[in-house]
């Protein structure tokens, strides 16, 4: 993380994505093995966290967006499409061996490409569906990658510290407090964009005060599903 950026030196076969819910939306954790193996002073695996901040959604809508992200992270549409296309092309060659070589290759190629595209379409249709509002919010989402470390004095670092503080007490936040935290984060990010240090301090300070209040409050009761 501090030296050479090895985020692209990884094998596709050993890559693993995990979706975790957050106050702001969700985060994607990607674990991958470096192609060159272990290097002195650096781990042979890297973990990259990407926070996806989804604006303007209710808790129920945020949950649907998270399930949508989990579906796409768990299904490798490209690989499944390639497997389906290759299998269809091989089957076409085996069945149509009586055809002329040129015609056989053409038929196998067309059927293989069609099978690959159809597989991608079916996977897209089979996944969780989002409403128009949810799709628009997902298009407007902001991603924050934590693979590199910002300078300790930067406004961006203060935002990351405030985010981590709020996340540490997320189980104690009610819906109103979580909504306030999201609004404060968007205000902090806007202040970073405008290079307004005072507004960054104001927003992140409010996030930290919210964290302190939540840490002092009791945990919300856990709903008993068996009692309804």
Foldseek 3Di string as FASTA:
>chain_A
DADDPQPVQFDPVAWAWDWAQFLQAIKIWIKTAGNVADDVPDHRIDIKIKDKGFPDDAPVQSVLVSQLVRLVRVDDLQVVLQVQLVVQLVVLCVVPVVDDPVVSNVVSNVRSNVSSVVSSVVSVVPGRDHDPVSVVRSVVIDMDMPRDDDPCPALVVLLVVLRVLCRVLVQLDDRVLSNLLSVLSVQLVVCSVVVPSVSSCVSSVVSNVSSVVSVPDDGDDDDDPVVD
